Amino acid sequence: MSDAPNDSDDARAHADEPHEGVVAVVVERHASGRTRGPEQDCVASEEPLEIQLGATPLAVLMRTPGADEELALGFLVTERVVASAAEVASIHPCSVVSRPEAEGNVVRVLLREGVAVDFERLRRNLYASASCGICGKATLENVLEISPPLDDPARFAPSFFVGLPERLRAAQAGFERTGGLHAAALVAPDGALLAVREDVGRHNAVDKVIGFAARGGQLPLAGHVLLVSGRISYEIAQKALAARIPVIAAVSAPSSLAVDLAEAAGIALVGFLRGGSFNVYGARERIAAR
């Protein structure tokens, strides 16, 4: 795998376009005993997104508007609502006549003919996922039963990761204006940033980039790296496993349950990635000098 970065046009264009996830507000600034304002400032937008299967509500996510169809598809794949993106016929914004205030905050998913859905099972699974199950061991056993450990020979030189946080930061147009958005990026085996997405929820940003890949028919993501701007939680590790991503890199720390899942699933966690240094947890053999 090449160590040379080559960011895609998609990532650059996404960073430069007007950002719908930014909202203007009034602020008054206090510093060193002085007050300035009121004046205009920008904050990250946060609104609910209802995902419907057919006409039946499935879940409500608190998210930053933008890439909603990618978010919905990524959520369906990583939460194992569908076995694969191929089971989804279409995803489109939906108007709710009885709730005009929800305009722009509802997407409807239509599954392909013959795909059966057990809504009660889905609700139980989504509740267990959101609450991290009853205990750590049960949570790991459940997710590994649904998404088995990776069989992926991918290996990366330490130099592959140098500079990734800076490249991600340069593509965070929303964060630049608000300081309040998480980001996730999908990194190709040659080091290119294939997609960068931002959201007020770190797990939503992950679902957006996985949804991007799913829409392009790129799943499973063998040999790729998931790059996130914050910490690595169990939920992010679980989503990477569902998308079959062998490495997660982050500027901050992993959680204990994320490390446990990574060890069991064959995922390497690159934490505290800053400058030329980082720690490796989980499937540490994936990162080795060559």
Protein backbone atom coordinates (compact mmCIF):
# COMPACT_ATOMS: atom_id res chain seq x y z
CA MET A 1 0.00 0.00 0.00
CA SER A 2 1.29 3.42 -0.94
CA ASP A 3 2.14 5.90 1.80
CA ALA A 4 1.63 8.95 -0.44
CA PRO A 5 -1.62 10.89 0.10
CA ASN A 6 -3.76 11.80 -2.88
CA ASP A 7 -7.03 13.38 -1.73
CA SER A 8 -9.99 12.87 -4.02
CA ASP A 9 -11.92 15.64 -5.71
CA ASP A 10 -14.98 14.56 -3.72
CA ALA A 11 -13.36 15.34 -0.38
CA ARG A 12 -12.09 18.74 -1.53
CA ALA A 13 -15.42 19.71 -3.07
CA HIS A 14 -17.30 18.69 0.06
CA ALA A 15 -15.11 20.96 2.17
CA ASP A 16 -15.52 23.98 -0.13
CA GLU A 17 -19.28 23.93 -0.70
CA PRO A 18 -21.72 26.11 1.34
CA HIS A 19 -22.36 24.27 4.58
CA GLU A 20 -26.00 23.63 5.42
CA GLY A 21 -24.98 22.35 8.85
CA VAL A 22 -24.14 25.87 10.06
CA VAL A 23 -26.67 28.23 11.69
CA ALA A 24 -26.22 31.92 12.50
CA VAL A 25 -26.93 32.95 16.11
CA VAL A 26 -26.39 36.01 18.29
CA VAL A 27 -23.50 35.93 20.75
CA GLU A 28 -22.09 38.23 23.42
CA ARG A 29 -18.39 37.75 24.13
CA HIS A 30 -16.74 38.20 27.54
CA ALA A 31 -12.97 38.25 27.95
CA SER A 32 -10.54 39.93 30.36
CA GLY A 33 -13.35 41.81 32.06
CA ARG A 34 -14.63 43.27 28.78
CA THR A 35 -17.84 42.60 26.89
CA ARG A 36 -18.24 42.72 23.12
CA GLY A 37 -21.48 42.34 21.24
CA PRO A 38 -24.13 41.33 20.65
CA GLU A 39 -22.86 40.15 17.27
CA GLN A 40 -23.37 37.26 14.88
CA ASP A 41 -21.71 33.90 15.33
CA CYS A 42 -22.08 30.44 13.79
CA VAL A 43 -23.00 27.20 15.56
CA ALA A 44 -23.48 23.65 14.35
CA SER A 45 -27.02 22.82 13.29
CA GLU A 46 -28.75 20.00 15.17
CA GLU A 47 -32.15 18.67 14.13
CA PRO A 48 -33.95 15.31 14.33
CA LEU A 49 -34.04 13.00 11.33
CA GLU A 50 -36.81 10.40 11.23
CA ILE A 51 -35.98 7.29 9.20
CA GLN A 52 -39.01 5.44 7.90
CA LEU A 53 -39.19 1.95 6.44
CA GLY A 54 -42.05 2.31 4.04
CA ALA A 55 -44.50 4.43 6.02
CA THR A 56 -43.42 2.99 9.39
CA PRO A 57 -41.10 5.08 11.59
CA LEU A 58 -37.95 3.13 12.49
CA ALA A 59 -35.64 5.55 14.31
CA VAL A 60 -35.06 9.22 15.05
CA LEU A 61 -31.45 10.44 14.94
CA MET A 62 -30.27 13.79 16.24
CA ARG A 63 -28.01 14.94 13.44
CA THR A 64 -26.56 17.85 11.50
CA PRO A 65 -28.55 18.26 8.24
CA GLY A 66 -26.65 17.29 5.13
CA ALA A 67 -25.97 13.93 3.45
CA ASP A 68 -29.21 12.64 5.02
CA GLU A 69 -29.61 9.81 2.49
CA GLU A 70 -26.04 8.67 3.14
CA LEU A 71 -26.70 8.84 6.88
CA ALA A 72 -29.86 6.75 6.57
CA LEU A 73 -28.20 4.12 4.38
CA GLY A 74 -25.13 3.96 6.59
CA PHE A 75 -27.33 3.58 9.66
CA LEU A 76 -29.32 0.74 8.04
CA VAL A 77 -26.11 -1.10 7.12
CA THR A 78 -24.12 -0.57 10.32
CA GLU A 79 -27.05 -1.32 12.62
CA ARG A 80 -27.80 -4.46 10.55
CA VAL A 81 -31.33 -3.36 9.71
CA VAL A 82 -30.53 -4.68 6.22
CA ALA A 83 -28.11 -7.47 5.40
CA SER A 84 -26.56 -5.35 2.64
CA ALA A 85 -27.13 -2.11 0.75
CA ALA A 86 -28.44 -4.21 -2.14
CA GLU A 87 -31.65 -4.78 -0.17
CA VAL A 88 -32.48 -1.05 -0.38
CA ALA A 89 -34.45 0.04 -3.44
CA SER A 90 -34.51 3.80 -2.71
CA ILE A 91 -34.07 6.46 -0.06
CA HIS A 92 -35.70 9.83 -0.52
CA PRO A 93 -36.90 12.85 1.51
CA CYS A 94 -40.50 12.52 2.57
CA SER A 95 -43.16 15.14 3.39
CA VAL A 96 -45.55 14.40 6.25
CA VAL A 97 -48.84 16.20 5.58
CA SER A 98 -49.94 16.00 9.22
CA ARG A 99 -46.57 17.38 10.44
CA PRO A 100 -45.51 20.32 8.25
CA GLU A 101 -42.95 21.30 10.89
CA ALA A 102 -41.05 18.08 10.08
CA GLU A 103 -40.35 19.18 6.49
CA GLY A 104 -36.78 18.31 5.58
CA ASN A 105 -36.35 16.02 8.57
CA VAL A 106 -37.90 12.78 7.31
CA VAL A 107 -36.46 10.24 4.88
CA ARG A 108 -38.33 7.20 3.60
CA VAL A 109 -36.55 3.95 2.77
CA LEU A 110 -38.12 1.50 0.34
CA LEU A 111 -36.73 -2.02 0.40
CA ARG A 112 -36.57 -4.29 -2.62
CA GLU A 113 -39.43 -6.65 -3.27
CA GLY A 114 -39.21 -9.77 -1.17
CA VAL A 115 -37.09 -8.26 1.63
CA ALA A 116 -38.95 -9.00 4.87
CA VAL A 117 -38.66 -6.86 7.98
CA ASP A 118 -39.42 -7.88 11.56
CA PHE A 119 -40.04 -4.47 13.13
CA GLU A 120 -40.26 -5.77 16.68
CA ARG A 121 -36.87 -7.48 16.37
CA LEU A 122 -35.39 -4.34 14.83
CA ARG A 123 -36.63 -2.17 17.67
CA ARG A 124 -35.21 -4.58 20.26
CA ASN A 125 -31.84 -4.68 18.49
CA LEU A 126 -31.68 -0.91 18.04
CA TYR A 127 -32.54 -0.38 21.71
CA ALA A 128 -29.84 -2.82 22.79
CA SER A 129 -27.31 -1.15 20.48
CA ALA A 130 -28.14 2.34 21.70
CA SER A 131 -27.85 1.31 25.35
CA CYS A 132 -24.75 -0.88 24.78
CA GLY A 133 -26.61 -3.99 25.85
CA ILE A 134 -26.85 -5.38 29.37
CA CYS A 135 -23.12 -5.93 29.85
CA GLY A 136 -19.93 -5.67 27.84
CA LYS A 137 -19.52 -9.41 27.28
CA ALA A 138 -23.10 -9.83 26.04
CA THR A 139 -22.67 -6.84 23.75
CA LEU A 140 -19.53 -8.28 22.15
CA GLU A 141 -21.05 -11.73 21.72
CA ASN A 142 -24.12 -10.24 20.07
CA VAL A 143 -22.24 -8.06 17.58
CA LEU A 144 -19.77 -10.83 16.65
CA GLU A 145 -22.66 -13.20 16.01
CA ILE A 146 -24.13 -10.70 13.54
CA SER A 147 -20.81 -9.47 12.08
CA PRO A 148 -18.08 -12.14 12.31
CA PRO A 149 -14.40 -11.24 12.78
CA LEU A 150 -12.56 -9.86 9.76
CA ASP A 151 -10.68 -12.08 7.34
CA ASP A 152 -8.66 -9.25 5.79
CA PRO A 153 -4.90 -9.42 5.14
CA ALA A 154 -4.49 -5.62 5.10
CA ARG A 155 -1.27 -4.31 6.63
CA PHE A 156 -0.12 -0.67 6.92
CA ALA A 157 3.24 0.96 7.46
CA PRO A 158 3.35 3.47 10.34
CA SER A 159 4.13 6.24 7.83
CA PHE A 160 0.70 5.72 6.24
CA PHE A 161 -0.94 7.53 9.16
CA VAL A 162 1.39 10.53 9.40
CA GLY A 163 -0.45 13.71 8.43
CA LEU A 164 -3.94 12.17 8.27
CA PRO A 165 -5.41 14.33 11.08
CA GLU A 166 -4.14 17.51 9.42
CA ARG A 167 -5.68 16.52 6.10
CA LEU A 168 -8.98 15.73 7.80
CA ARG A 169 -8.91 19.03 9.66
CA ALA A 170 -8.30 20.93 6.41
CA ALA A 171 -11.45 19.36 4.95
CA GLN A 172 -13.70 20.29 7.91
CA ALA A 173 -15.48 23.34 6.55
CA GLY A 174 -18.22 23.18 9.18
CA PHE A 175 -15.83 22.83 12.09
CA GLU A 176 -13.80 25.75 10.78
CA ARG A 177 -16.87 27.97 11.15
CA THR A 178 -18.41 26.55 14.33
CA GLY A 179 -15.86 24.51 16.30
CA GLY A 180 -18.74 22.15 17.07
CA LEU A 181 -18.77 19.33 14.52
CA HIS A 182 -17.20 15.89 14.55
CA ALA A 183 -15.78 14.46 11.34
CA ALA A 184 -15.14 11.08 9.77
CA ALA A 185 -13.22 10.21 6.64
CA LEU A 186 -12.86 7.11 4.54
CA VAL A 187 -9.23 6.56 3.57
CA ALA A 188 -8.42 4.38 0.55
CA PRO A 189 -5.61 1.80 0.56
CA ASP A 190 -3.43 4.27 -1.37
CA GLY A 191 -3.99 7.01 1.25
CA ALA A 192 -6.56 9.10 -0.64
CA LEU A 193 -9.42 10.64 1.34
CA LEU A 194 -12.43 9.23 -0.50
CA ALA A 195 -15.04 11.09 1.54
CA VAL A 196 -15.18 13.46 4.51
CA ARG A 197 -18.44 14.08 6.36
CA GLU A 198 -19.24 16.18 9.44
CA ASP A 199 -21.97 15.91 12.03
CA VAL A 200 -22.82 16.97 15.57
CA GLY A 201 -22.80 13.23 16.39
CA ARG A 202 -19.52 11.35 15.83
CA HIS A 203 -21.39 8.12 15.06
CA ASN A 204 -23.55 9.97 12.50
CA ALA A 205 -20.42 11.19 10.71
CA VAL A 206 -19.26 7.56 10.52
CA ASP A 207 -22.63 6.42 9.15
CA LYS A 208 -22.45 9.17 6.52
CA VAL A 209 -19.10 8.03 5.10
CA ILE A 210 -20.18 4.38 5.21
CA GLY A 211 -23.41 5.39 3.49
CA PHE A 212 -21.31 7.18 0.85
CA ALA A 213 -19.43 3.94 0.21
CA ALA A 214 -22.62 1.87 0.20
CA ARG A 215 -24.26 4.14 -2.39
CA GLY A 216 -21.20 3.66 -4.59
CA GLY A 217 -21.28 -0.12 -4.27
CA GLN A 218 -17.94 -0.14 -2.42
CA LEU A 219 -18.92 -2.35 0.52
CA PRO A 220 -17.29 -4.33 2.03
CA LEU A 221 -14.42 -1.89 2.70
CA ALA A 222 -11.52 -4.31 2.90
CA GLY A 223 -8.15 -2.59 3.02
CA HIS A 224 -9.57 0.83 3.98
CA VAL A 225 -9.12 2.99 7.06
CA LEU A 226 -11.82 4.87 8.97
CA LEU A 227 -10.47 8.18 10.31
CA VAL A 228 -12.38 10.04 13.04
CA SER A 229 -11.79 13.40 14.68
CA GLY A 230 -12.52 12.38 18.27
CA ARG A 231 -12.31 9.26 20.35
CA ILE A 232 -13.00 5.67 19.27
CA SER A 233 -16.09 4.35 21.05
CA TYR A 234 -17.52 0.84 20.97
CA GLU A 235 -20.28 2.08 18.69
CA ILE A 236 -17.80 3.37 16.11
CA ALA A 237 -15.87 0.08 16.24
CA GLN A 238 -19.11 -1.85 15.77
CA LYS A 239 -20.02 0.22 12.72
CA ALA A 240 -16.55 -0.28 11.22
CA LEU A 241 -16.91 -4.03 11.72
CA ALA A 242 -20.29 -4.04 9.96
CA ALA A 243 -18.67 -2.24 6.99
CA ARG A 244 -15.65 -4.63 7.21
CA ILE A 245 -13.10 -1.86 7.79
CA PRO A 246 -9.83 -3.27 9.24
CA VAL A 247 -8.39 -0.09 10.83
CA ILE A 248 -9.84 2.88 12.73
CA ALA A 249 -7.59 5.89 13.35
CA ALA A 250 -8.36 8.78 15.69
CA VAL A 251 -6.74 11.81 17.27
CA SER A 252 -8.01 10.74 20.69
CA ALA A 253 -8.32 7.60 22.82
CA PRO A 254 -10.28 4.38 22.37
CA SER A 255 -12.66 3.13 25.04
CA SER A 256 -12.12 -0.18 26.82
CA LEU A 257 -15.04 -1.87 25.07
CA ALA A 258 -13.82 -0.61 21.69
CA VAL A 259 -10.45 -2.23 22.39
CA ASP A 260 -12.14 -5.48 23.45
CA LEU A 261 -14.19 -5.55 20.24
CA ALA A 262 -11.16 -4.70 18.11
CA GLU A 263 -9.15 -7.57 19.62
CA ALA A 264 -11.98 -10.03 19.02
CA ALA A 265 -12.85 -8.76 15.54
CA GLY A 266 -9.39 -8.29 14.02
CA ILE A 267 -9.53 -4.49 13.84
CA ALA A 268 -6.53 -2.27 14.59
CA LEU A 269 -7.23 0.93 16.53
CA VAL A 270 -4.76 3.76 15.96
CA GLY A 271 -5.26 6.18 18.85
CA PHE A 272 -3.69 9.48 19.92
CA LEU A 273 -2.66 10.09 16.30
CA ARG A 274 -0.82 13.40 16.53
CA GLY A 275 2.15 14.48 14.48
CA GLY A 276 4.26 11.42 13.89
CA SER A 277 3.25 9.47 16.98
CA PHE A 278 0.34 7.18 17.84
CA ASN A 279 -0.65 4.13 19.87
CA VAL A 280 -1.99 0.89 18.39
CA TYR A 281 -4.59 -1.29 20.12
CA GLY A 282 -6.50 -4.41 19.14
CA ALA A 283 -5.11 -6.19 16.05
CA ARG A 284 -1.71 -4.54 16.43
CA GLU A 285 -0.14 -6.77 13.78
CA ARG A 286 -1.91 -4.73 11.09
CA ILE A 287 0.50 -1.83 11.72
CA ALA A 288 4.11 -2.84 11.23
CA ALA A 289 7.30 -1.32 9.84
CA ARG A 290 8.24 -2.73 6.46
